[in-house]
Amino acid sequence: MKPLFLALAAAPAALALPFTLPAVAQQGQSDLSRVSAYIRAVTTMTADFSQTDRNGQTLTGKLTLKQSGKIRFQYQKGVPLLIVGDGKALTMIDYEVRQVQRWPIGNSPLGALIDPTKDLSRFGKVVPSGDPSILSVQARDPKRPEFGTITMIFRRDAASPAGLQLYGWVALDSQNNRTAVRLTNQAYGVPVPDSTFRWTDPRPRGRASG
């Protein structure tokens, strides 16, 4: 299964629909602002996740997020993978083969979700969902298509930050690797120590990194 930050997002057919009505465009800008407000408002979050790739394989685990840019995907027992973001880069550690791969957060589709400094109005658009309780936003840098695409899916929820509850996302990387992630049991504002985003280097003569 490909890393979360390398793959994720079935582009619905609605993505091709142009925003032709001024009222729709205005609502879209308002919703983009709401999503940006959500990303800035979420200082910490934990959730259970299920990750499904384009082959239908599903893995589960625990997601922990802390702004700015820190994220951890702890997979279910028996899966020797770990993905950690330390605020600057995303690292995938495969303990089975003792391999470590690292990417700048800005080069990943997940950057749109975990980097509160990004301006969604410049590279995001609202995707019509057909359900007024659902808000979908597609983020893609047209100048850097190699960074991939992410479609974030929110439920409107007055009790959640900025009135939105992150339901999950779908991402697609430049190699067309696709992964969908669904979240449950979201909890906001919980204590998360920085040590959560440290990891043990499995490579020979490796060292702990964090």
Protein backbone atom coordinates (compact mmCIF):
# COMPACT_ATOMS: atom_id res chain seq x y z
CA MET A 1 0.00 0.00 0.00
CA LYS A 2 1.38 3.40 -0.98
CA PRO A 3 2.06 6.09 1.62
CA LEU A 4 -0.85 8.36 2.52
CA PHE A 5 1.02 11.46 1.48
CA LEU A 6 1.89 10.02 -1.93
CA ALA A 7 -1.59 8.90 -2.91
CA LEU A 8 -5.28 9.88 -2.38
CA ALA A 9 -8.40 11.22 -4.45
CA ALA A 10 -10.97 9.87 -6.76
CA ALA A 11 -11.95 12.93 -8.72
CA PRO A 12 -15.75 12.93 -8.87
CA ALA A 13 -17.35 13.83 -12.18
CA ALA A 14 -18.52 17.03 -10.50
CA LEU A 15 -14.94 18.28 -10.54
CA ALA A 16 -15.39 19.12 -14.20
CA LEU A 17 -18.36 21.43 -13.60
CA PRO A 18 -17.49 25.13 -13.97
CA PHE A 19 -18.66 27.71 -11.45
CA THR A 20 -20.74 29.82 -13.81
CA LEU A 21 -23.12 31.58 -11.44
CA PRO A 22 -21.80 34.48 -9.35
CA ALA A 23 -23.76 33.30 -6.32
CA VAL A 24 -22.17 29.86 -6.55
CA ALA A 25 -18.72 31.39 -6.89
CA GLN A 26 -19.33 33.64 -3.91
CA GLN A 27 -20.51 30.70 -1.80
CA GLY A 28 -17.43 28.77 -2.91
CA GLN A 29 -15.09 31.51 -1.69
CA SER A 30 -16.97 31.61 1.61
CA ASP A 31 -16.58 27.86 2.03
CA LEU A 32 -12.89 28.03 1.17
CA SER A 33 -12.47 30.63 3.89
CA ARG A 34 -14.32 28.35 6.29
CA VAL A 35 -11.98 25.45 5.51
CA SER A 36 -8.95 27.72 6.03
CA ALA A 37 -10.44 28.78 9.36
CA TYR A 38 -10.88 25.13 10.32
CA ILE A 39 -7.24 24.30 9.54
CA ARG A 40 -6.05 27.29 11.60
CA ALA A 41 -8.42 26.46 14.48
CA VAL A 42 -7.39 22.83 14.92
CA THR A 43 -4.39 23.00 17.21
CA THR A 44 -4.51 19.27 17.94
CA MET A 45 -6.66 16.36 16.81
CA THR A 46 -6.77 12.61 17.26
CA ALA A 47 -8.92 10.20 15.25
CA ASP A 48 -9.18 6.62 14.13
CA PHE A 49 -8.55 6.19 10.41
CA SER A 50 -9.16 3.63 7.71
CA GLN A 51 -7.03 3.86 4.58
CA THR A 52 -8.09 2.22 1.31
CA ASP A 53 -5.90 2.13 -1.78
CA ARG A 54 -6.93 1.78 -5.42
CA ASN A 55 -6.67 -2.01 -5.17
CA GLY A 56 -9.24 -2.08 -2.39
CA GLN A 57 -6.79 -2.96 0.37
CA THR A 58 -7.75 -1.35 3.69
CA LEU A 59 -5.57 -0.64 6.72
CA THR A 60 -6.62 1.01 9.96
CA GLY A 61 -4.84 2.95 12.65
CA LYS A 62 -4.61 6.06 14.80
CA LEU A 63 -4.08 9.58 13.48
CA THR A 64 -2.55 12.30 15.65
CA LEU A 65 -2.19 15.89 14.43
CA LYS A 66 -0.62 18.96 15.97
CA GLN A 67 -0.11 22.31 14.30
CA SER A 68 1.97 23.39 12.71
CA GLY A 69 2.58 20.53 10.32
CA LYS A 70 3.00 17.67 12.79
CA ILE A 71 1.13 14.47 12.01
CA ARG A 72 1.46 10.77 12.82
CA PHE A 73 -0.19 7.75 11.23
CA GLN A 74 0.21 4.80 13.58
CA TYR A 75 -0.95 1.69 11.73
CA GLN A 76 -2.74 -1.30 13.16
CA LYS A 77 -0.80 -4.01 14.96
CA GLY A 78 1.15 -6.18 12.55
CA VAL A 79 1.66 -3.45 9.92
CA PRO A 80 5.36 -2.41 10.03
CA LEU A 81 4.77 1.08 8.61
CA LEU A 82 4.83 4.45 10.33
CA ILE A 83 4.28 7.89 8.79
CA VAL A 84 5.36 10.97 10.72
CA GLY A 85 5.37 14.67 9.87
CA ASP A 86 7.64 16.86 11.99
CA GLY A 87 6.51 20.26 10.70
CA LYS A 88 8.95 20.35 7.79
CA ALA A 89 8.91 16.93 6.18
CA LEU A 90 6.89 13.74 6.02
CA THR A 91 8.77 10.53 6.74
CA MET A 92 7.68 6.99 5.99
CA ILE A 93 9.44 4.31 7.99
CA ASP A 94 9.16 0.69 6.90
CA TYR A 95 10.44 -1.38 9.79
CA GLU A 96 10.16 -4.64 7.89
CA VAL A 97 12.77 -3.71 5.29
CA ARG A 98 14.51 -1.06 7.42
CA GLN A 99 13.86 1.69 4.92
CA VAL A 100 13.20 5.40 5.47
CA GLN A 101 11.80 7.82 2.88
CA ARG A 102 11.38 11.55 3.43
CA TRP A 103 9.54 14.31 1.53
CA PRO A 104 9.03 18.04 2.20
CA ILE A 105 5.49 18.62 3.45
CA GLY A 106 4.96 21.17 0.69
CA ASN A 107 5.57 18.45 -1.92
CA SER A 108 2.72 16.32 -0.59
CA PRO A 109 -1.05 16.55 -1.10
CA LEU A 110 -1.33 16.49 2.70
CA GLY A 111 0.35 19.90 2.85
CA ALA A 112 -2.98 21.55 2.11
CA LEU A 113 -4.46 19.96 5.23
CA ILE A 114 -1.66 20.34 7.77
CA ASP A 115 -0.04 23.63 6.75
CA PRO A 116 -2.14 26.54 8.13
CA THR A 117 -0.03 29.09 6.22
CA LYS A 118 -1.25 27.89 2.83
CA ASP A 119 -3.78 30.14 1.08
CA LEU A 120 -6.56 27.85 -0.16
CA SER A 121 -8.09 30.64 -2.22
CA ARG A 122 -5.07 30.40 -4.54
CA PHE A 123 -5.12 26.67 -5.25
CA GLY A 124 -8.40 25.29 -3.88
CA LYS A 125 -11.93 25.01 -5.20
CA VAL A 126 -15.21 23.75 -3.82
CA VAL A 127 -16.45 20.52 -5.40
CA PRO A 128 -20.27 20.27 -5.66
CA SER A 129 -21.37 17.33 -3.53
CA GLY A 130 -25.14 17.36 -4.00
CA ASP A 131 -25.53 17.29 -0.21
CA PRO A 132 -25.74 20.63 1.64
CA SER A 133 -24.36 19.03 4.79
CA ILE A 134 -21.16 17.99 3.00
CA LEU A 135 -18.39 20.36 1.94
CA SER A 136 -15.70 19.03 -0.42
CA VAL A 137 -12.65 21.07 -1.36
CA GLN A 138 -10.09 20.06 -3.96
CA ALA A 139 -6.59 21.48 -3.53
CA ARG A 140 -3.98 21.39 -6.29
CA ASP A 141 -1.11 23.68 -7.18
CA PRO A 142 -1.42 24.22 -10.96
CA LYS A 143 2.21 25.32 -11.10
CA ARG A 144 3.37 22.13 -9.37
CA PRO A 145 1.16 19.27 -10.62
CA GLU A 146 3.82 16.81 -9.48
CA PHE A 147 2.80 17.57 -5.89
CA GLY A 148 -0.53 15.83 -6.46
CA THR A 149 -4.14 16.57 -5.58
CA ILE A 150 -6.14 16.23 -2.39
CA THR A 151 -9.91 16.41 -1.98
CA MET A 152 -10.85 17.13 1.63
CA ILE A 153 -14.32 16.13 2.76
CA PHE A 154 -16.06 17.88 5.65
CA ARG A 155 -19.42 17.57 7.36
CA ARG A 156 -20.99 20.80 8.49
CA ASP A 157 -21.17 20.61 12.28
CA ALA A 158 -21.78 23.67 14.43
CA ALA A 159 -20.08 22.02 17.43
CA SER A 160 -16.77 21.49 15.60
CA PRO A 161 -13.97 23.99 14.82
CA ALA A 162 -15.13 26.63 12.31
CA GLY A 163 -18.38 24.69 12.02
CA LEU A 164 -16.75 21.77 10.18
CA GLN A 165 -15.90 18.18 11.01
CA LEU A 166 -13.16 16.58 8.90
CA TYR A 167 -14.68 13.36 7.57
CA GLY A 168 -11.70 12.29 5.47
CA TRP A 169 -9.89 12.92 2.23
CA VAL A 170 -8.93 11.38 -1.07
CA ALA A 171 -5.52 12.05 -2.65
CA LEU A 172 -3.86 11.40 -5.97
CA ASP A 173 -0.16 11.73 -6.59
CA SER A 174 1.66 12.43 -9.85
CA GLN A 175 2.01 8.68 -10.49
CA ASN A 176 -1.79 8.27 -10.18
CA ASN A 177 -1.47 6.39 -6.89
CA ARG A 178 -4.84 6.85 -5.21
CA THR A 179 -5.76 6.44 -1.55
CA ALA A 180 -8.89 7.30 0.41
CA VAL A 181 -8.89 7.97 4.14
CA ARG A 182 -11.94 8.04 6.41
CA LEU A 183 -11.83 9.37 9.97
CA THR A 184 -13.95 8.46 12.99
CA ASN A 185 -13.89 9.33 16.70
CA GLN A 186 -12.37 12.76 16.09
CA ALA A 187 -11.26 14.60 19.22
CA TYR A 188 -10.01 18.21 19.16
CA GLY A 189 -7.83 20.17 21.56
CA VAL A 190 -6.44 17.09 23.30
CA PRO A 191 -2.96 17.18 24.88
CA VAL A 192 -0.36 15.93 22.38
CA PRO A 193 3.31 15.97 23.42
CA ASP A 194 5.94 16.69 20.78
CA SER A 195 7.48 13.30 21.54
CA THR A 196 4.54 11.78 19.64
CA PHE A 197 6.26 12.78 16.40
CA ARG A 198 9.59 11.13 17.10
CA TRP A 199 10.49 7.79 15.61
CA THR A 200 13.18 5.15 15.82
CA ASP A 201 15.43 4.82 12.79
CA PRO A 202 15.58 1.12 11.80
CA ARG A 203 18.56 1.47 9.48
CA PRO A 204 21.95 0.07 10.50
CA ARG A 205 23.67 2.43 12.91
CA GLY A 206 20.43 4.46 12.85
CA ARG A 207 19.43 6.91 15.47
CA ALA A 208 16.20 8.22 16.95
CA SER A 209 14.83 11.16 15.00
CA GLY A 210 12.24 13.70 15.93
